[in-house]
Amino acid sequence: MAFDDIGRSIIKGIPTDGRKTVTAAGTAEALSSTSLLVDWIIIVAETDNTGVMAVGAPTVVATVLTRRGVPLNAGDVVTLSGIDLKEIYLDTTVSGDGVTYFYRV
């Protein structure tokens, strides 16, 4: 049985949602500390973000001059499929900005 970051059991086929804020701008953070392969995930930049959120690999950078990954402004969406949540990284240009997400195992 799989578990999410706060210990809830994940049942195959049941959609799950969550939220993640990036503590320090300029520092990539994994979406999840737990390895969990998902069928698909929809990631939405929080609508009250004031900076740019970037989604990508461990090398993701949100800063415009060296940007790497997929940039998301407030309310923008990215969808990924067949990926491990632990392999999705976030960076932001403003500390405390975040994303909400919805996925199915």
N, C-alpha and C. Protein backbone atom coordinates (compact mmCIF):
# COMPACT_ATOMS: atom_id res chain seq x y z
N MET A 1 0.85 -1.18 0.00
CA MET A 1 0.00 0.00 0.00
C MET A 1 0.88 1.23 0.00
N ALA A 2 0.50 2.23 -0.76
CA ALA A 2 1.24 3.49 -0.85
C ALA A 2 0.63 4.52 0.11
N PHE A 3 1.47 5.47 0.53
CA PHE A 3 1.03 6.53 1.43
C PHE A 3 1.49 7.88 0.90
N ASP A 4 0.71 8.93 1.18
CA ASP A 4 1.11 10.27 0.77
C ASP A 4 2.02 10.88 1.82
N ASP A 5 2.42 12.15 1.64
CA ASP A 5 3.37 12.81 2.53
C ASP A 5 2.90 12.94 3.98
N ILE A 6 1.60 12.90 4.20
CA ILE A 6 1.13 13.03 5.58
C ILE A 6 0.54 11.74 6.12
N GLY A 7 0.90 10.61 5.46
CA GLY A 7 0.56 9.31 5.99
C GLY A 7 -0.79 8.74 5.60
N ARG A 8 -1.55 9.43 4.73
CA ARG A 8 -2.83 8.88 4.28
C ARG A 8 -2.56 7.78 3.27
N SER A 9 -3.32 6.69 3.36
CA SER A 9 -3.14 5.62 2.39
C SER A 9 -3.69 6.04 1.04
N ILE A 10 -2.98 5.62 0.00
CA ILE A 10 -3.38 5.92 -1.38
C ILE A 10 -3.95 4.64 -1.96
N ILE A 11 -5.18 4.68 -2.41
CA ILE A 11 -5.84 3.51 -3.00
C ILE A 11 -5.80 3.67 -4.51
N LYS A 12 -5.32 2.64 -5.21
CA LYS A 12 -5.19 2.70 -6.65
C LYS A 12 -6.52 3.07 -7.30
N GLY A 13 -6.45 4.05 -8.21
CA GLY A 13 -7.63 4.48 -8.94
C GLY A 13 -8.41 5.61 -8.30
N ILE A 14 -8.13 5.90 -7.03
CA ILE A 14 -8.85 6.96 -6.32
C ILE A 14 -8.09 8.27 -6.50
N PRO A 15 -8.74 9.32 -7.01
CA PRO A 15 -8.07 10.62 -7.15
C PRO A 15 -7.69 11.20 -5.78
N THR A 16 -6.56 11.90 -5.74
CA THR A 16 -6.06 12.53 -4.53
C THR A 16 -5.63 13.95 -4.87
N ASP A 17 -5.72 14.86 -3.89
CA ASP A 17 -5.30 16.23 -4.15
C ASP A 17 -4.36 16.70 -3.04
N GLY A 18 -3.73 17.84 -3.27
CA GLY A 18 -2.81 18.37 -2.27
C GLY A 18 -2.38 19.78 -2.62
N ARG A 19 -1.47 20.29 -1.78
CA ARG A 19 -0.95 21.65 -1.94
C ARG A 19 0.50 21.66 -1.52
N LYS A 20 1.32 22.44 -2.21
CA LYS A 20 2.74 22.56 -1.88
C LYS A 20 3.18 24.00 -2.06
N THR A 21 3.82 24.56 -1.04
CA THR A 21 4.42 25.88 -1.18
C THR A 21 5.93 25.71 -1.19
N VAL A 22 6.60 26.61 -1.91
CA VAL A 22 8.05 26.59 -1.98
C VAL A 22 8.57 27.57 -0.93
N THR A 23 9.33 27.07 0.00
CA THR A 23 9.80 27.86 1.13
C THR A 23 10.71 29.00 0.72
N ALA A 24 11.72 28.68 -0.12
CA ALA A 24 12.71 29.70 -0.47
C ALA A 24 12.83 29.83 -1.99
N ALA A 25 12.55 31.01 -2.49
CA ALA A 25 12.71 31.27 -3.92
C ALA A 25 14.15 30.96 -4.33
N GLY A 26 14.30 30.37 -5.52
CA GLY A 26 15.64 30.06 -6.01
C GLY A 26 16.17 28.72 -5.56
N THR A 27 15.38 27.97 -4.80
CA THR A 27 15.79 26.66 -4.32
C THR A 27 14.74 25.63 -4.75
N ALA A 28 15.12 24.73 -5.65
CA ALA A 28 14.19 23.70 -6.12
C ALA A 28 13.79 22.77 -4.98
N GLU A 29 12.49 22.49 -4.90
CA GLU A 29 11.97 21.58 -3.89
C GLU A 29 11.13 20.51 -4.56
N ALA A 30 11.28 19.26 -4.11
CA ALA A 30 10.48 18.16 -4.65
C ALA A 30 9.02 18.37 -4.27
N LEU A 31 8.13 18.03 -5.19
CA LEU A 31 6.70 18.12 -4.90
C LEU A 31 6.35 17.20 -3.74
N SER A 32 7.00 16.04 -3.67
CA SER A 32 6.71 15.06 -2.63
C SER A 32 8.01 14.43 -2.14
N SER A 33 8.08 14.13 -0.87
CA SER A 33 9.24 13.41 -0.33
C SER A 33 9.05 11.90 -0.45
N THR A 34 7.85 11.50 -0.86
CA THR A 34 7.51 10.09 -1.00
C THR A 34 7.46 9.69 -2.47
N SER A 35 8.09 8.58 -2.79
CA SER A 35 8.05 8.06 -4.15
C SER A 35 6.67 7.45 -4.42
N LEU A 36 5.99 7.94 -5.46
CA LEU A 36 4.68 7.43 -5.82
C LEU A 36 4.45 7.65 -7.31
N LEU A 37 4.38 6.57 -8.06
CA LEU A 37 4.13 6.65 -9.49
C LEU A 37 2.64 6.92 -9.70
N VAL A 38 2.33 7.99 -10.45
CA VAL A 38 0.94 8.36 -10.69
C VAL A 38 0.60 8.19 -12.16
N ASP A 39 -0.66 7.88 -12.44
CA ASP A 39 -1.14 7.79 -13.82
C ASP A 39 -1.06 9.16 -14.48
N TRP A 40 -1.55 10.19 -13.75
CA TRP A 40 -1.51 11.57 -14.23
C TRP A 40 -1.59 12.51 -13.04
N ILE A 41 -1.11 13.74 -13.27
CA ILE A 41 -1.19 14.78 -12.25
C ILE A 41 -1.44 16.11 -12.95
N ILE A 42 -2.33 16.90 -12.37
CA ILE A 42 -2.60 18.26 -12.84
C ILE A 42 -2.06 19.20 -11.76
N ILE A 43 -1.14 20.08 -12.15
CA ILE A 43 -0.52 21.02 -11.23
C ILE A 43 -0.96 22.43 -11.61
N VAL A 44 -1.50 23.18 -10.65
CA VAL A 44 -2.00 24.53 -10.90
C VAL A 44 -1.25 25.51 -9.99
N ALA A 45 -0.68 26.57 -10.58
CA ALA A 45 -0.06 27.62 -9.76
C ALA A 45 -1.16 28.31 -8.97
N GLU A 46 -0.94 28.49 -7.68
CA GLU A 46 -1.93 29.16 -6.83
C GLU A 46 -2.36 30.48 -7.48
N THR A 47 -3.64 30.78 -7.41
CA THR A 47 -4.16 31.99 -8.05
C THR A 47 -3.71 33.27 -7.36
N ASP A 48 -3.21 33.15 -6.13
CA ASP A 48 -2.72 34.35 -5.44
C ASP A 48 -1.19 34.46 -5.46
N ASN A 49 -0.52 33.62 -6.25
CA ASN A 49 0.94 33.75 -6.38
C ASN A 49 1.28 35.12 -6.95
N THR A 50 2.37 35.69 -6.49
CA THR A 50 2.81 36.98 -7.01
C THR A 50 4.03 36.86 -7.92
N GLY A 51 4.63 35.69 -7.93
CA GLY A 51 5.80 35.44 -8.77
C GLY A 51 5.50 34.37 -9.80
N VAL A 52 6.56 33.87 -10.42
CA VAL A 52 6.45 32.80 -11.41
C VAL A 52 6.88 31.50 -10.74
N MET A 53 6.09 30.46 -10.93
CA MET A 53 6.41 29.13 -10.44
C MET A 53 6.95 28.34 -11.63
N ALA A 54 7.99 27.55 -11.43
CA ALA A 54 8.50 26.69 -12.50
C ALA A 54 8.41 25.24 -12.04
N VAL A 55 7.99 24.36 -12.95
CA VAL A 55 7.86 22.93 -12.68
C VAL A 55 8.85 22.21 -13.58
N GLY A 56 9.61 21.27 -13.01
CA GLY A 56 10.57 20.54 -13.83
C GLY A 56 11.31 19.48 -13.05
N ALA A 57 12.55 19.24 -13.48
CA ALA A 57 13.44 18.26 -12.87
C ALA A 57 14.18 18.91 -11.70
N PRO A 58 15.12 18.19 -11.06
CA PRO A 58 15.86 18.81 -9.94
C PRO A 58 16.62 20.07 -10.33
N THR A 59 16.84 20.28 -11.62
CA THR A 59 17.57 21.46 -12.10
C THR A 59 16.65 22.63 -12.44
N VAL A 60 15.37 22.56 -12.08
CA VAL A 60 14.40 23.61 -12.40
C VAL A 60 14.82 24.95 -11.80
N VAL A 61 14.62 26.02 -12.57
CA VAL A 61 14.95 27.39 -12.11
C VAL A 61 13.82 28.31 -12.58
N ALA A 62 13.26 29.09 -11.67
CA ALA A 62 12.17 30.00 -12.01
C ALA A 62 12.65 31.36 -12.49
N THR A 63 13.83 31.79 -12.08
CA THR A 63 14.36 33.11 -12.45
C THR A 63 14.42 33.26 -13.96
N VAL A 64 13.93 34.37 -14.47
CA VAL A 64 13.77 34.57 -15.91
C VAL A 64 15.08 34.44 -16.69
N LEU A 65 16.18 34.94 -16.19
CA LEU A 65 17.43 34.92 -16.96
C LEU A 65 18.04 33.53 -17.10
N THR A 66 17.74 32.64 -16.17
CA THR A 66 18.31 31.29 -16.22
C THR A 66 17.22 30.22 -16.16
N ARG A 67 15.99 30.58 -16.52
CA ARG A 67 14.83 29.71 -16.36
C ARG A 67 15.02 28.35 -17.02
N ARG A 68 14.60 27.31 -16.27
CA ARG A 68 14.55 25.94 -16.76
C ARG A 68 13.25 25.33 -16.25
N GLY A 69 12.62 24.50 -17.05
CA GLY A 69 11.36 23.89 -16.67
C GLY A 69 10.20 24.64 -17.31
N VAL A 70 9.01 24.34 -16.84
CA VAL A 70 7.78 24.93 -17.37
C VAL A 70 7.36 26.08 -16.46
N PRO A 71 7.38 27.33 -16.96
CA PRO A 71 6.97 28.46 -16.11
C PRO A 71 5.46 28.55 -16.01
N LEU A 72 4.97 28.82 -14.80
CA LEU A 72 3.54 28.98 -14.55
C LEU A 72 3.29 30.30 -13.85
N ASN A 73 2.46 31.14 -14.44
CA ASN A 73 1.98 32.34 -13.75
C ASN A 73 0.77 31.92 -12.91
N ALA A 74 0.30 32.80 -12.05
CA ALA A 74 -0.85 32.50 -11.20
C ALA A 74 -2.00 31.94 -12.02
N GLY A 75 -2.50 30.77 -11.62
CA GLY A 75 -3.63 30.14 -12.29
C GLY A 75 -3.28 29.25 -13.47
N ASP A 76 -2.02 29.28 -13.92
CA ASP A 76 -1.61 28.42 -15.05
C ASP A 76 -1.56 26.96 -14.62
N VAL A 77 -1.71 26.07 -15.61
CA VAL A 77 -1.83 24.63 -15.36
C VAL A 77 -0.83 23.85 -16.21
N VAL A 78 -0.28 22.78 -15.64
CA VAL A 78 0.50 21.82 -16.40
C VAL A 78 0.00 20.42 -16.02
N THR A 79 -0.08 19.52 -17.00
CA THR A 79 -0.51 18.15 -16.77
C THR A 79 0.62 17.21 -17.17
N LEU A 80 0.91 16.26 -16.30
CA LEU A 80 1.95 15.26 -16.57
C LEU A 80 1.34 13.88 -16.41
N SER A 81 1.92 12.89 -17.08
CA SER A 81 1.41 11.53 -16.93
C SER A 81 2.55 10.55 -16.75
N GLY A 82 2.26 9.46 -16.05
CA GLY A 82 3.22 8.39 -15.84
C GLY A 82 4.51 8.86 -15.19
N ILE A 83 4.41 9.57 -14.09
CA ILE A 83 5.59 10.15 -13.44
C ILE A 83 5.54 9.88 -11.94
N ASP A 84 6.72 9.83 -11.32
CA ASP A 84 6.84 9.68 -9.88
C ASP A 84 6.77 11.06 -9.24
N LEU A 85 5.91 11.23 -8.25
CA LEU A 85 5.75 12.54 -7.59
C LEU A 85 7.07 13.05 -7.01
N LYS A 86 7.95 12.15 -6.60
CA LYS A 86 9.23 12.53 -6.02
C LYS A 86 10.18 13.11 -7.07
N GLU A 87 9.88 12.92 -8.36
CA GLU A 87 10.73 13.41 -9.44
C GLU A 87 10.26 14.74 -10.02
N ILE A 88 9.19 15.30 -9.46
CA ILE A 88 8.68 16.61 -9.89
C ILE A 88 9.21 17.66 -8.93
N TYR A 89 9.88 18.66 -9.48
CA TYR A 89 10.45 19.72 -8.65
C TYR A 89 9.82 21.07 -8.98
N LEU A 90 9.81 21.94 -7.97
CA LEU A 90 9.23 23.28 -8.10
C LEU A 90 10.26 24.32 -7.68
N ASP A 91 10.24 25.45 -8.34
CA ASP A 91 10.99 26.62 -7.91
C ASP A 91 10.09 27.82 -8.15
N THR A 92 10.35 28.90 -7.47
CA THR A 92 9.54 30.10 -7.61
C THR A 92 10.42 31.34 -7.52
N THR A 93 9.90 32.44 -8.02
CA THR A 93 10.63 33.70 -7.91
C THR A 93 10.26 34.45 -6.63
N VAL A 94 9.22 33.98 -5.92
CA VAL A 94 8.78 34.63 -4.68
C VAL A 94 8.58 33.56 -3.60
N SER A 95 9.34 33.64 -2.52
CA SER A 95 9.21 32.67 -1.42
C SER A 95 7.76 32.59 -0.95
N GLY A 96 7.30 31.38 -0.71
CA GLY A 96 5.94 31.16 -0.21
C GLY A 96 4.89 30.95 -1.27
N ASP A 97 5.21 31.21 -2.55
CA ASP A 97 4.27 30.89 -3.63
C ASP A 97 4.13 29.37 -3.72
N GLY A 98 3.03 28.90 -4.28
CA GLY A 98 2.82 27.47 -4.30
C GLY A 98 1.93 26.98 -5.42
N VAL A 99 1.62 25.70 -5.33
CA VAL A 99 0.75 25.04 -6.30
C VAL A 99 -0.28 24.19 -5.55
N THR A 100 -1.37 23.92 -6.23
CA THR A 100 -2.29 22.88 -5.80
C THR A 100 -2.22 21.79 -6.87
N TYR A 101 -2.56 20.57 -6.51
CA TYR A 101 -2.47 19.48 -7.48
C TYR A 101 -3.54 18.43 -7.24
N PHE A 102 -3.77 17.67 -8.29
CA PHE A 102 -4.81 16.63 -8.30
C PHE A 102 -4.23 15.49 -9.12
N TYR A 103 -4.22 14.26 -8.58
CA TYR A 103 -3.65 13.14 -9.32
C TYR A 103 -4.41 11.84 -9.06
N ARG A 104 -4.09 10.86 -9.92
CA ARG A 104 -4.64 9.51 -9.74
C ARG A 104 -3.51 8.51 -9.87
N VAL A 105 -3.49 7.57 -8.95
CA VAL A 105 -2.50 6.50 -8.94
C VAL A 105 -2.94 5.40 -9.88
